[in-house]
């Protein structure tokens, strides 16, 4: 029964992301749910490893819940943050890199999986902090998050193009993988 806990947490994050779209942005309930979704992102992976419950399905579910949270946050916060056109263009370019990496993964390995690399985790954390810190820190926070997400998306695409086998838990192109 314990092996289902991480997937349950990922499902709760996906549901929370959908609920964010129905809430008033910047309200206390919005931030509480947003914080829950962020904590659940760290908790599901930690518990999957701790309970020896890591599965390819769980990795795909985690990535799907992450995507839903990022999309919900973008949809709800975009009117609040009013990003400049260059920021939107940059985000679209990173999105295109991500979609390309998923297509390469699908063609090569017959699955759509986002690797849990260190750079993907750093980019995810920066994206999570972005709506919280942007008003306080200004555009440099967007540039930092943009650089991290660009680096992570490029690394993901490179991994999907060059990997001999699909490894959702690959740490980095800079770390030699043991098989």
Foldseek 3Di string as FASTA:
>chain_A
DLLCVLLVLLVLLLVLLVVLLVDQPPDPVNVVSLVSSVVSLVVSVVSCVVVVNDDQVSQVSSVVSLVSNLVSCCVNCCVVLVDDPVLVVLVVVLVVLLVLLQVLLCVPAVGRGFAPAPLVVVLSVLSSCCVVCCVPPPCVSSVVSSVSSNVSSVFSSVCSVDPPHDDSHDHGPPDDDDD
